[in-house]
PDB file of N, CA and C in Angstrom:
ATOM      1  N   MET A   1       0.835  -1.170   0.000  1.00  0.00           N
ATOM      2  CA  MET A   1       0.000   0.000   0.000  1.00  0.00           C
ATOM      3  C   MET A   1       0.884   1.239   0.000  1.00  0.00           C
ATOM      4  N   GLU A   2       0.393   2.262  -0.602  1.00  0.00           N
ATOM      5  CA  GLU A   2       1.082   3.541  -0.584  1.00  0.00           C
ATOM      6  C   GLU A   2       0.075   4.602  -0.175  1.00  0.00           C
ATOM      7  N   HIS A   3       0.495   5.476   0.726  1.00  0.00           N
ATOM      8  CA  HIS A   3      -0.380   6.542   1.207  1.00  0.00           C
ATOM      9  C   HIS A   3       0.458   7.800   1.360  1.00  0.00           C
ATOM     10  N   GLU A   4      -0.009   8.893   0.833  1.00  0.00           N
ATOM     11  CA  GLU A   4       0.728  10.145   0.897  1.00  0.00           C
ATOM     12  C   GLU A   4      -0.002  11.103   1.819  1.00  0.00           C
ATOM     13  N   VAL A   5       0.757  11.740   2.724  1.00  0.00           N
ATOM     14  CA  VAL A   5       0.187  12.659   3.698  1.00  0.00           C
ATOM     15  C   VAL A   5       0.968  13.960   3.631  1.00  0.00           C
ATOM     16  N   PHE A   6       0.254  15.069   3.649  1.00  0.00           N
ATOM     17  CA  PHE A   6       0.911  16.374   3.681  1.00  0.00           C
ATOM     18  C   PHE A   6       1.160  16.757   5.131  1.00  0.00           C
ATOM     19  N   VAL A   7       2.403  17.032   5.480  1.00  0.00           N
ATOM     20  CA  VAL A   7       2.779  17.496   6.811  1.00  0.00           C
ATOM     21  C   VAL A   7       3.220  18.942   6.633  1.00  0.00           C
ATOM     22  N   PRO A   8       2.564  19.886   7.306  1.00  0.00           N
ATOM     23  CA  PRO A   8       2.822  21.309   7.040  1.00  0.00           C
ATOM     24  C   PRO A   8       4.121  21.848   7.646  1.00  0.00           C
ATOM     25  N   VAL A   9       5.233  21.187   7.387  1.00  0.00           N
ATOM     26  CA  VAL A   9       6.563  21.670   7.773  1.00  0.00           C
ATOM     27  C   VAL A   9       7.508  21.381   6.620  1.00  0.00           C
ATOM     28  N   GLU A  10       8.641  22.075   6.599  1.00  0.00           N
ATOM     29  CA  GLU A  10       9.630  21.817   5.554  1.00  0.00           C
ATOM     30  C   GLU A  10      10.218  20.419   5.740  1.00  0.00           C
ATOM     31  N   ALA A  11      10.615  19.799   4.647  1.00  0.00           N
ATOM     32  CA  ALA A  11      11.146  18.433   4.674  1.00  0.00           C
ATOM     33  C   ALA A  11      12.364  18.331   5.590  1.00  0.00           C
ATOM     34  N   GLN A  12      13.256  19.331   5.561  1.00  0.00           N
ATOM     35  CA  GLN A  12      14.449  19.284   6.408  1.00  0.00           C
ATOM     36  C   GLN A  12      14.072  19.316   7.889  1.00  0.00           C
ATOM     37  N   ARG A  13      13.096  20.105   8.248  1.00  0.00           N
ATOM     38  CA  ARG A  13      12.644  20.179   9.650  1.00  0.00           C
ATOM     39  C   ARG A  13      12.054  18.840  10.078  1.00  0.00           C
ATOM     40  N   LEU A  14      11.307  18.198   9.195  1.00  0.00           N
ATOM     41  CA  LEU A  14      10.745  16.877   9.493  1.00  0.00           C
ATOM     42  C   LEU A  14      11.859  15.858   9.691  1.00  0.00           C
ATOM     43  N   ARG A  15      12.901  15.929   8.861  1.00  0.00           N
ATOM     44  CA  ARG A  15      14.047  15.021   9.029  1.00  0.00           C
ATOM     45  C   ARG A  15      14.697  15.207  10.397  1.00  0.00           C
ATOM     46  N   GLU A  16      14.821  16.454  10.851  1.00  0.00           N
ATOM     47  CA  GLU A  16      15.418  16.731  12.166  1.00  0.00           C
ATOM     48  C   GLU A  16      14.610  16.070  13.279  1.00  0.00           C
ATOM     49  N   VAL A  17      13.301  16.104  13.170  1.00  0.00           N
ATOM     50  CA  VAL A  17      12.450  15.463  14.177  1.00  0.00           C
ATOM     51  C   VAL A  17      12.598  13.946  14.104  1.00  0.00           C
ATOM     52  N   LEU A  18      12.572  13.382  12.904  1.00  0.00           N
ATOM     53  CA  LEU A  18      12.688  11.927  12.750  1.00  0.00           C
ATOM     54  C   LEU A  18      14.039  11.406  13.224  1.00  0.00           C
ATOM     55  N   ASP A  19      15.069  12.255  13.199  1.00  0.00           N
ATOM     56  CA  ASP A  19      16.401  11.857  13.673  1.00  0.00           C
ATOM     57  C   ASP A  19      16.519  11.889  15.191  1.00  0.00           C
ATOM     58  N   ASP A  20      15.514  12.407  15.899  1.00  0.00           N
ATOM     59  CA  ASP A  20      15.547  12.541  17.358  1.00  0.00           C
ATOM     60  C   ASP A  20      14.449  11.679  17.973  1.00  0.00           C
ATOM     61  N   PRO A  21      14.791  10.484  18.498  1.00  0.00           N
ATOM     62  CA  PRO A  21      13.771   9.580  19.036  1.00  0.00           C
ATOM     63  C   PRO A  21      12.902  10.196  20.136  1.00  0.00           C
ATOM     64  N   ALA A  22      13.455  11.071  20.958  1.00  0.00           N
ATOM     65  CA  ALA A  22      12.655  11.692  22.019  1.00  0.00           C
ATOM     66  C   ALA A  22      11.557  12.578  21.421  1.00  0.00           C
ATOM     67  N   ARG A  23      11.869  13.271  20.344  1.00  0.00           N
ATOM     68  CA  ARG A  23      10.862  14.108  19.682  1.00  0.00           C
ATOM     69  C   ARG A  23       9.815  13.251  18.981  1.00  0.00           C
ATOM     70  N   VAL A  24      10.235  12.127  18.425  1.00  0.00           N
ATOM     71  CA  VAL A  24       9.268  11.205  17.811  1.00  0.00           C
ATOM     72  C   VAL A  24       8.294  10.715  18.881  1.00  0.00           C
ATOM     73  N   ALA A  25       8.804  10.353  20.056  1.00  0.00           N
ATOM     74  CA  ALA A  25       7.948   9.859  21.146  1.00  0.00           C
ATOM     75  C   ALA A  25       6.925  10.909  21.558  1.00  0.00           C
ATOM     76  N   ARG A  26       7.336  12.180  21.621  1.00  0.00           N
ATOM     77  CA  ARG A  26       6.401  13.242  22.008  1.00  0.00           C
ATOM     78  C   ARG A  26       5.333  13.471  20.943  1.00  0.00           C
ATOM     79  N   ALA A  27       5.592  13.045  19.718  1.00  0.00           N
ATOM     80  CA  ALA A  27       4.653  13.269  18.617  1.00  0.00           C
ATOM     81  C   ALA A  27       3.611  12.157  18.484  1.00  0.00           C
ATOM     82  N   VAL A  28       3.727  11.098  19.271  1.00  0.00           N
ATOM     83  CA  VAL A  28       2.765   9.994  19.193  1.00  0.00           C
ATOM     84  C   VAL A  28       1.632  10.266  20.181  1.00  0.00           C
ATOM     85  N   PRO A  29       0.442  10.612  19.687  1.00  0.00           N
ATOM     86  CA  PRO A  29      -0.671  10.935  20.592  1.00  0.00           C
ATOM     87  C   PRO A  29      -1.039   9.752  21.479  1.00  0.00           C
ATOM     88  N   GLY A  30      -1.130  10.004  22.784  1.00  0.00           N
ATOM     89  CA  GLY A  30      -1.566   8.971  23.712  1.00  0.00           C
ATOM     90  C   GLY A  30      -0.484   8.019  24.186  1.00  0.00           C
ATOM     91  N   LEU A  31       0.755   8.174  23.726  1.00  0.00           N
ATOM     92  CA  LEU A  31       1.830   7.275  24.167  1.00  0.00           C
ATOM     93  C   LEU A  31       2.144   7.536  25.629  1.00  0.00           C
ATOM     94  N   GLN A  32       2.105   6.488  26.429  1.00  0.00           N
ATOM     95  CA  GLN A  32       2.526   6.577  27.825  1.00  0.00           C
ATOM     96  C   GLN A  32       3.924   5.987  27.882  1.00  0.00           C
ATOM     97  N   HIS A  33       4.907   6.868  27.919  1.00  0.00           N
ATOM     98  CA  HIS A  33       6.316   6.484  27.841  1.00  0.00           C
ATOM     99  C   HIS A  33       6.742   5.742  29.104  1.00  0.00           C
ATOM    100  N   ASP A  34       7.480   4.639  28.935  1.00  0.00           N
ATOM    101  CA  ASP A  34       8.042   3.907  30.069  1.00  0.00           C
ATOM    102  C   ASP A  34       9.274   4.649  30.577  1.00  0.00           C
ATOM    103  N   ALA A  35       9.293   4.990  31.863  1.00  0.00           N
ATOM    104  CA  ALA A  35      10.423   5.719  32.457  1.00  0.00           C
ATOM    105  C   ALA A  35      11.696   4.878  32.360  1.00  0.00           C
ATOM    106  N   GLY A  36      12.778   5.515  31.956  1.00  0.00           N
ATOM    107  CA  GLY A  36      14.070   4.849  31.862  1.00  0.00           C
ATOM    108  C   GLY A  36      14.222   3.938  30.648  1.00  0.00           C
ATOM    109  N   ALA A  37      13.236   3.920  29.771  1.00  0.00           N
ATOM    110  CA  ALA A  37      13.296   3.053  28.584  1.00  0.00           C
ATOM    111  C   ALA A  37      13.691   3.878  27.369  1.00  0.00           C
ATOM    112  N   GLU A  38      13.912   3.186  26.276  1.00  0.00           N
ATOM    113  CA  GLU A  38      14.190   3.885  25.019  1.00  0.00           C
ATOM    114  C   GLU A  38      13.083   4.902  24.787  1.00  0.00           C
ATOM    115  N   PRO A  39      13.385   6.011  24.094  1.00  0.00           N
ATOM    116  CA  PRO A  39      12.385   7.073  23.948  1.00  0.00           C
ATOM    117  C   PRO A  39      11.053   6.656  23.345  1.00  0.00           C
ATOM    118  N   VAL A  40      11.016   5.709  22.433  1.00  0.00           N
ATOM    119  CA  VAL A  40       9.744   5.346  21.817  1.00  0.00           C
ATOM    120  C   VAL A  40       9.351   3.943  22.290  1.00  0.00           C
ATOM    121  N   THR A  41       9.228   3.806  23.613  1.00  0.00           N
ATOM    122  CA  THR A  41       8.815   2.558  24.240  1.00  0.00           C
ATOM    123  C   THR A  41       7.759   2.885  25.282  1.00  0.00           C
ATOM    124  N   GLY A  42       6.695   2.112  25.295  1.00  0.00           N
ATOM    125  CA  GLY A  42       5.660   2.358  26.287  1.00  0.00           C
ATOM    126  C   GLY A  42       4.355   1.699  25.941  1.00  0.00           C
ATOM    127  N   ARG A  43       3.259   2.312  26.432  1.00  0.00           N
ATOM    128  CA  ARG A  43       1.914   1.785  26.210  1.00  0.00           C
ATOM    129  C   ARG A  43       1.125   2.758  25.353  1.00  0.00           C
ATOM    130  N   LEU A  44       0.263   2.193  24.518  1.00  0.00           N
ATOM    131  CA  LEU A  44      -0.580   2.999  23.651  1.00  0.00           C
ATOM    132  C   LEU A  44      -1.955   2.343  23.572  1.00  0.00           C
ATOM    133  N   LYS A  45      -2.989   3.115  23.899  1.00  0.00           N
ATOM    134  CA  LYS A  45      -4.351   2.594  23.827  1.00  0.00           C
ATOM    135  C   LYS A  45      -4.930   2.937  22.457  1.00  0.00           C
ATOM    136  N   VAL A  46      -5.467   1.941  21.801  1.00  0.00           N
ATOM    137  CA  VAL A  46      -6.080   2.102  20.485  1.00  0.00           C
ATOM    138  C   VAL A  46      -7.577   1.867  20.639  1.00  0.00           C
ATOM    139  N   ARG A  47      -8.377   2.823  20.170  1.00  0.00           N
ATOM    140  CA  ARG A  47      -9.831   2.689  20.237  1.00  0.00           C
ATOM    141  C   ARG A  47     -10.390   2.592  18.827  1.00  0.00           C
ATOM    142  N   ILE A  48     -11.218   1.599  18.632  1.00  0.00           N
ATOM    143  CA  ILE A  48     -11.917   1.416  17.365  1.00  0.00           C
ATOM    144  C   ILE A  48     -13.375   1.177  17.706  1.00  0.00           C
ATOM    145  N   GLY A  49     -14.208   2.133  17.327  1.00  0.00           N
ATOM    146  CA  GLY A  49     -15.618   2.037  17.687  1.00  0.00           C
ATOM    147  C   GLY A  49     -15.759   2.026  19.196  1.00  0.00           C
ATOM    148  N   GLY A  50     -16.467   1.047  19.743  1.00  0.00           N
ATOM    149  CA  GLY A  50     -16.653   0.935  21.184  1.00  0.00           C
ATOM    150  C   GLY A  50     -15.613   0.075  21.867  1.00  0.00           C
ATOM    151  N   SER A  51     -14.646  -0.425  21.133  1.00  0.00           N
ATOM    152  CA  SER A  51     -13.625  -1.301  21.711  1.00  0.00           C
ATOM    153  C   SER A  51     -12.295  -0.580  21.853  1.00  0.00           C
ATOM    154  N   SER A  52     -11.531  -0.954  22.871  1.00  0.00           N
ATOM    155  CA  SER A  52     -10.185  -0.407  23.014  1.00  0.00           C
ATOM    156  C   SER A  52      -9.223  -1.514  23.438  1.00  0.00           C
ATOM    157  N   ILE A  53      -8.010  -1.411  22.959  1.00  0.00           N
ATOM    158  CA  ILE A  53      -6.952  -2.373  23.274  1.00  0.00           C
ATOM    159  C   ILE A  53      -5.721  -1.566  23.652  1.00  0.00           C
ATOM    160  N   THR A  54      -5.055  -1.958  24.731  1.00  0.00           N
ATOM    161  CA  THR A  54      -3.811  -1.303  25.129  1.00  0.00           C
ATOM    162  C   THR A  54      -2.651  -2.202  24.736  1.00  0.00           C
ATOM    163  N   TYR A  55      -1.719  -1.624  24.001  1.00  0.00           N
ATOM    164  CA  TYR A  55      -0.530  -2.346  23.566  1.00  0.00           C
ATOM    165  C   TYR A  55       0.689  -1.816  24.303  1.00  0.00           C
ATOM    166  N   ARG A  56       1.640  -2.693  24.594  1.00  0.00           N
ATOM    167  CA  ARG A  56       2.928  -2.317  25.162  1.00  0.00           C
ATOM    168  C   ARG A  56       3.993  -2.747  24.157  1.00  0.00           C
ATOM    169  N   GLY A  57       4.834  -1.776  23.754  1.00  0.00           N
ATOM    170  CA  GLY A  57       5.847  -2.122  22.765  1.00  0.00           C
ATOM    171  C   GLY A  57       6.791  -0.973  22.487  1.00  0.00           C
ATOM    172  N   SER A  58       7.439  -1.045  21.338  1.00  0.00           N
ATOM    173  CA  SER A  58       8.419  -0.019  20.979  1.00  0.00           C
ATOM    174  C   SER A  58       8.440   0.186  19.469  1.00  0.00           C
ATOM    175  N   VAL A  59       8.944   1.350  19.095  1.00  0.00           N
ATOM    176  CA  VAL A  59       9.086   1.728  17.689  1.00  0.00           C
ATOM    177  C   VAL A  59      10.494   2.272  17.495  1.00  0.00           C
ATOM    178  N   ARG A  60      11.124   1.913  16.396  1.00  0.00           N
ATOM    179  CA  ARG A  60      12.451   2.412  16.036  1.00  0.00           C
ATOM    180  C   ARG A  60      12.365   3.130  14.705  1.00  0.00           C
ATOM    181  N   VAL A  61      12.972   4.299  14.640  1.00  0.00           N
ATOM    182  CA  VAL A  61      13.031   5.072  13.403  1.00  0.00           C
ATOM    183  C   VAL A  61      14.489   5.185  13.018  1.00  0.00           C
ATOM    184  N   SER A  62      14.823   4.786  11.794  1.00  0.00           N
ATOM    185  CA  SER A  62      16.219   4.865  11.361  1.00  0.00           C
ATOM    186  C   SER A  62      16.313   5.443   9.950  1.00  0.00           C
ATOM    187  N   ALA A  63      17.274   6.343   9.783  1.00  0.00           N
ATOM    188  CA  ALA A  63      17.505   6.973   8.481  1.00  0.00           C
ATOM    189  C   ALA A  63      18.265   6.009   7.582  1.00  0.00           C
ATOM    190  N   GLN A  64      17.852   5.930   6.329  1.00  0.00           N
ATOM    191  CA  GLN A  64      18.520   5.091   5.344  1.00  0.00           C
ATOM    192  C   GLN A  64      19.404   5.981   4.461  1.00  0.00           C
ATOM    193  N   ASP A  65      20.307   5.382   3.720  1.00  0.00           N
ATOM    194  CA  ASP A  65      21.223   6.141   2.860  1.00  0.00           C
ATOM    195  C   ASP A  65      20.511   6.927   1.764  1.00  0.00           C
ATOM    196  N   ASP A  66      19.343   6.463   1.332  1.00  0.00           N
ATOM    197  CA  ASP A  66      18.635   7.115   0.228  1.00  0.00           C
ATOM    198  C   ASP A  66      17.687   8.232   0.690  1.00  0.00           C
ATOM    199  N   GLY A  67      17.756   8.646   1.981  1.00  0.00           N
ATOM    200  CA  GLY A  67      16.908   9.713   2.482  1.00  0.00           C
ATOM    201  C   GLY A  67      15.561   9.246   2.991  1.00  0.00           C
ATOM    202  N   VAL A  68      15.306   7.974   2.893  1.00  0.00           N
ATOM    203  CA  VAL A  68      14.066   7.376   3.383  1.00  0.00           C
ATOM    204  C   VAL A  68      14.268   6.986   4.844  1.00  0.00           C
ATOM    205  N   TYR A  69      13.207   7.036   5.623  1.00  0.00           N
ATOM    206  CA  TYR A  69      13.255   6.598   7.014  1.00  0.00           C
ATOM    207  C   TYR A  69      12.488   5.300   7.157  1.00  0.00           C
ATOM    208  N   ALA A  70      13.107   4.326   7.827  1.00  0.00           N
ATOM    209  CA  ALA A  70      12.445   3.057   8.113  1.00  0.00           C
ATOM    210  C   ALA A  70      11.878   3.139   9.523  1.00  0.00           C
ATOM    211  N   VAL A  71      10.613   2.775   9.661  1.00  0.00           N
ATOM    212  CA  VAL A  71       9.956   2.753  10.964  1.00  0.00           C
ATOM    213  C   VAL A  71       9.547   1.308  11.216  1.00  0.00           C
ATOM    214  N   GLU A  72      10.071   0.737  12.289  1.00  0.00           N
ATOM    215  CA  GLU A  72       9.781  -0.652  12.643  1.00  0.00           C
ATOM    216  C   GLU A  72       9.257  -0.669  14.070  1.00  0.00           C
ATOM    217  N   GLY A  73       8.195  -1.401  14.306  1.00  0.00           N
ATOM    218  CA  GLY A  73       7.647  -1.476  15.653  1.00  0.00           C
ATOM    219  C   GLY A  73       7.004  -2.809  15.913  1.00  0.00           C
ATOM    220  N   GLU A  74       6.906  -3.125  17.194  1.00  0.00           N
ATOM    221  CA  GLU A  74       6.211  -4.333  17.599  1.00  0.00           C
ATOM    222  C   GLU A  74       5.651  -4.115  18.998  1.00  0.00           C
ATOM    223  N   ALA A  75       4.529  -4.749  19.258  1.00  0.00           N
ATOM    224  CA  ALA A  75       3.872  -4.603  20.554  1.00  0.00           C
ATOM    225  C   ALA A  75       3.007  -5.818  20.824  1.00  0.00           C
ATOM    226  N   SER A  76       2.661  -5.967  22.088  1.00  0.00           N
ATOM    227  CA  SER A  76       1.733  -7.033  22.470  1.00  0.00           C
ATOM    228  C   SER A  76       0.655  -6.436  23.368  1.00  0.00           C
ATOM    229  N   GLU A  77      -0.491  -7.092  23.358  1.00  0.00           N
ATOM    230  CA  GLU A  77      -1.603  -6.620  24.189  1.00  0.00           C
ATOM    231  C   GLU A  77      -1.201  -6.695  25.654  1.00  0.00           C
ATOM    232  N   SER A  78      -1.601  -5.674  26.432  1.00  0.00           N
ATOM    233  CA  SER A  78      -1.243  -5.725  27.845  1.00  0.00           C
ATOM    234  C   SER A  78      -2.092  -6.722  28.627  1.00  0.00           C
ATOM    235  N   ARG A  79      -3.317  -7.008  28.162  1.00  0.00           N
ATOM    236  CA  ARG A  79      -4.170  -7.951  28.893  1.00  0.00           C
ATOM    237  C   ARG A  79      -4.463  -9.228  28.107  1.00  0.00           C
ATOM    238  N   GLY A  80      -4.014  -9.306  26.907  1.00  0.00           N
ATOM    239  CA  GLY A  80      -4.289 -10.490  26.099  1.00  0.00           C
ATOM    240  C   GLY A  80      -2.996 -11.064  25.552  1.00  0.00           C
ATOM    241  N   ASP A  81      -3.153 -11.948  24.564  1.00  0.00           N
ATOM    242  CA  ASP A  81      -1.952 -12.554  23.991  1.00  0.00           C
ATOM    243  C   ASP A  81      -1.776 -12.177  22.515  1.00  0.00           C
ATOM    244  N   GLY A  82      -2.486 -11.142  22.066  1.00  0.00           N
ATOM    245  CA  GLY A  82      -2.350 -10.677  20.685  1.00  0.00           C
ATOM    246  C   GLY A  82      -1.094  -9.839  20.503  1.00  0.00           C
ATOM    247  N   THR A  83      -0.584  -9.839  19.291  1.00  0.00           N
ATOM    248  CA  THR A  83       0.601  -9.040  18.970  1.00  0.00           C
ATOM    249  C   THR A  83       0.360  -8.256  17.681  1.00  0.00           C
ATOM    250  N   VAL A  84       1.175  -7.238  17.487  1.00  0.00           N
ATOM    251  CA  VAL A  84       1.090  -6.432  16.284  1.00  0.00           C
ATOM    252  C   VAL A  84       2.500  -6.018  15.877  1.00  0.00           C
ATOM    253  N   ARG A  85       2.724  -5.926  14.570  1.00  0.00           N
ATOM    254  CA  ARG A  85       3.997  -5.453  14.025  1.00  0.00           C
ATOM    255  C   ARG A  85       3.718  -4.334  13.048  1.00  0.00           C
ATOM    256  N   LEU A  86       4.663  -3.386  12.977  1.00  0.00           N
ATOM    257  CA  LEU A  86       4.530  -2.223  12.120  1.00  0.00           C
ATOM    258  C   LEU A  86       5.802  -2.072  11.305  1.00  0.00           C
ATOM    259  N   SER A  87       5.634  -1.796  10.033  1.00  0.00           N
ATOM    260  CA  SER A  87       6.771  -1.545   9.161  1.00  0.00           C
ATOM    261  C   SER A  87       6.367  -0.472   8.150  1.00  0.00           C
ATOM    262  N   LEU A  88       7.026   0.688   8.231  1.00  0.00           N
ATOM    263  CA  LEU A  88       6.720   1.798   7.339  1.00  0.00           C
ATOM    264  C   LEU A  88       7.992   2.331   6.703  1.00  0.00           C
ATOM    265  N   ARG A  89       7.823   2.957   5.562  1.00  0.00           N
ATOM    266  CA  ARG A  89       8.910   3.702   4.925  1.00  0.00           C
ATOM    267  C   ARG A  89       8.402   5.123   4.730  1.00  0.00           C
ATOM    268  N   LEU A  90       9.111   6.086   5.316  1.00  0.00           N
ATOM    269  CA  LEU A  90       8.736   7.501   5.202  1.00  0.00           C
ATOM    270  C   LEU A  90       9.722   8.196   4.281  1.00  0.00           C
ATOM    271  N   THR A  91       9.209   8.973   3.347  1.00  0.00           N
ATOM    272  CA  THR A  91      10.050   9.710   2.407  1.00  0.00           C
ATOM    273  C   THR A  91       9.720  11.194   2.493  1.00  0.00           C
ATOM    274  N   PRO A  92      10.440  11.950   3.340  1.00  0.00           N
ATOM    275  CA  PRO A  92      10.193  13.395   3.388  1.00  0.00           C
ATOM    276  C   PRO A  92      10.637  14.043   2.083  1.00  0.00           C
ATOM    277  N   ARG A  93       9.786  14.892   1.530  1.00  0.00           N
ATOM    278  CA  ARG A  93      10.143  15.599   0.300  1.00  0.00           C
ATOM    279  C   ARG A  93       9.393  16.917   0.252  1.00  0.00           C
ATOM    280  N   PRO A  94       9.925  17.864  -0.495  1.00  0.00           N
ATOM    281  CA  PRO A  94       9.234  19.155  -0.593  1.00  0.00           C
ATOM    282  C   PRO A  94       7.875  18.977  -1.263  1.00  0.00           C
ATOM    283  N   PRO A  95       6.912  19.828  -0.903  1.00  0.00           N
ATOM    284  CA  PRO A  95       5.592  19.705  -1.534  1.00  0.00           C
ATOM    285  C   PRO A  95       5.654  20.089  -3.004  1.00  0.00           C
ATOM    286  N   THR A  96       4.779  19.488  -3.778  1.00  0.00           N
ATOM    287  CA  THR A  96       4.669  19.849  -5.193  1.00  0.00           C
ATOM    288  C   THR A  96       3.444  20.723  -5.355  1.00  0.00           C
ATOM    289  N   ARG A  97       3.501  21.607  -6.293  1.00  0.00           N
ATOM    290  CA  ARG A  97       2.340  22.468  -6.543  1.00  0.00           C
ATOM    291  C   ARG A  97       1.306  21.659  -7.312  1.00  0.00           C
ATOM    292  N   ALA A  98       0.157  21.566  -6.727  1.00  0.00           N
ATOM    293  CA  ALA A  98      -0.925  20.825  -7.385  1.00  0.00           C
ATOM    294  C   ALA A  98      -2.011  21.807  -7.797  1.00  0.00           C
ATOM    295  N   ARG A  99      -2.658  21.488  -8.872  1.00  0.00           N
ATOM    296  CA  ARG A  99      -3.776  22.327  -9.292  1.00  0.00           C
ATOM    297  C   ARG A  99      -4.920  22.154  -8.317  1.00  0.00           C
ATOM    298  N   ARG A 100      -5.514  23.262  -7.951  1.00  0.00           N
ATOM    299  CA  ARG A 100      -6.671  23.181  -7.068  1.00  0.00           C
ATOM    300  C   ARG A 100      -7.919  22.971  -7.909  1.00  0.00           C
ATOM    301  N   SER A 101      -8.719  22.070  -7.487  1.00  0.00           N
ATOM    302  CA  SER A 101      -9.987  21.868  -8.185  1.00  0.00           C
ATOM    303  C   SER A 101     -11.070  21.680  -7.144  1.00  0.00           C
ATOM    304  N   SER A 102     -12.264  21.953  -7.528  1.00  0.00           N
ATOM    305  CA  SER A 102     -13.378  21.828  -6.604  1.00  0.00           C
ATOM    306  C   SER A 102     -14.538  21.186  -7.331  1.00  0.00           C
ATOM    307  N   SER A 103     -15.214  20.328  -6.629  1.00  0.00           N
ATOM    308  CA  SER A 103     -16.379  19.693  -7.240  1.00  0.00           C
ATOM    309  C   SER A 103     -17.655  20.450  -6.868  1.00  0.00           C
ATOM    310  N   ARG A 104     -17.513  21.515  -6.075  1.00  0.00           N
ATOM    311  CA  ARG A 104     -18.683  22.287  -5.675  1.00  0.00           C
ATOM    312  C   ARG A 104     -18.922  23.423  -6.659  1.00  0.00           C
ATOM    313  N   ALA A 105     -20.157  23.640  -6.970  1.00  0.00           N
ATOM    314  CA  ALA A 105     -20.516  24.754  -7.851  1.00  0.00           C
ATOM    315  C   ALA A 105     -20.492  26.038  -7.031  1.00  0.00           C
ATOM    316  N   PRO A 106     -20.189  27.175  -7.675  1.00  0.00           N
ATOM    317  CA  PRO A 106     -20.204  28.438  -6.932  1.00  0.00           C
ATOM    318  C   PRO A 106     -21.617  28.742  -6.453  1.00  0.00           C
ATOM    319  N   PRO A 107     -21.736  29.478  -5.327  1.00  0.00           N
ATOM    320  CA  PRO A 107     -23.082  29.782  -4.833  1.00  0.00           C
ATOM    321  C   PRO A 107     -23.872  30.616  -5.818  1.00  0.00           C
ATOM    322  N   ARG A 108     -25.152  30.364  -5.899  1.00  0.00           N
ATOM    323  CA  ARG A 108     -26.020  31.111  -6.814  1.00  0.00           C
ATOM    324  C   ARG A 108     -26.916  32.016  -6.001  1.00  0.00           C
ATOM    325  N   ARG A 109     -27.160  33.203  -6.526  1.00  0.00           N
ATOM    326  CA  ARG A 109     -28.079  34.140  -5.865  1.00  0.00           C
ATOM    327  C   ARG A 109     -29.449  33.980  -6.494  1.00  0.00           C
ATOM    328  N   THR A 110     -30.431  34.036  -5.649  1.00  0.00           N
ATOM    329  CA  THR A 110     -31.807  33.986  -6.155  1.00  0.00           C
ATOM    330  C   THR A 110     -32.528  35.248  -5.715  1.00  0.00           C
ATOM    331  N   ALA A 111     -33.379  35.751  -6.559  1.00  0.00           N
ATOM    332  CA  ALA A 111     -34.154  36.946  -6.234  1.00  0.00           C
ATOM    333  C   ALA A 111     -35.406  36.524  -5.487  1.00  0.00           C
ATOM    334  N   ALA A 112     -35.760  37.307  -4.477  1.00  0.00           N
ATOM    335  CA  ALA A 112     -36.948  36.972  -3.689  1.00  0.00           C
ATOM    336  C   ALA A 112     -38.162  37.703  -4.200  1.00  0.00           C
TER     337      ALA A 112
END
């Protein structure tokens, strides 16, 4: 799968954050960091609909020679025996100018 997301910062600034594990940990919403552990290690509660699962695990971010960042993670349920693994490739790059288009018609005025 490929998914592209616009992050409203310059690519170099994003690289600086990805190179600092403590900053990556602060950017993960809801992460409860384990004291004295690697910066991106702890518990994370995931909610889907009316269900929630708490995972305990870690994530590693490493810069590759080609400017891509590899993100690898693994976790296990804190109350169950389920596990999850994560593998992503992030490619920070400058934004490209895209044509703006709209599927909405302009507002029309009506006389009363």
